Amino acid sequence: MNSVHDFGGMQGYGPVIPDDGNEPKFVHDWERGAFGLNLMLQVAGLFNADTSRHAMEKIEPIHYLTSPYYLHWMESYEDILVAKGIATREELRTGKATEPLPEWARNKELPPNEDLGKIVRGYIDTTGEARAPRKFGIGEKIRSVNNHPKGHTRLPAYARGRIGTITATREAFVYADQRAHSAGEDPQWIYSVRFDAEELWGADADGRGAVYLDLYEPYMQAL
């Protein structure tokens, strides 16, 4: 979705300053708890990276830009838990449960032990079987779709409606645009697409560089 979460590729915000390796992983102790809670909720199967990202995309822009990083995580947890009926806003505010868990949550089983380590380490297989053969091949030129979805998308705004060249094909992966909304996995083919800097930013682009994006097939149109 178009918002403050989609600054990538935009001009006028200065250079990206890489981490010099001295930045602490956690500034405050409560942030360690926020990180641990993320793992716990994933193990419990209550959310995934896409639902979490979309929950953060819904945070009011000014609040998002002026609040700590891990607070965004905590607010996404709250949003998801309330949406799933696991907790109410009042229960989260007071820290006291007053409503029973939904039956589906009471009956929910944890993943097998052999999968727990993979989930905690982020080694979760998100490949799947696409419903149709792939449409494009290496060397083909495509145009990325130019849309402005209200929901989650992995297609950055700066690369929409642009012409690129497919340089590699990949497996089919679960479609983040749908999984973010708990609408199923619907695996889609992935392609690595090269976009020249001039195509993305015009004749004034600095140098002859290019950007390679891994795009879902629905993000692309044949030329």
Foldseek 3Di string as FASTA:
>chain_A
DDDPVQCPPDPDPDDDDDDPPPDDPDPDPVLVVLLVVVLVCVQLVLADPLLLVQLLVPPDRVCSVPDDPSVSSVSSVVVSCVVQQVANPVCVVVVHGDDDGPPCSVPRDGDDPVCSVCSSVVVDDFFDDAPDDDDDDAFAKWFFAQDDDPTDDPDRNLRHRFIWGFHDWDTWGFHSRCSNVVNDRNTFTKTWTKGWQCRRPNPPRPDGDIDIDIDGRVRIGHD
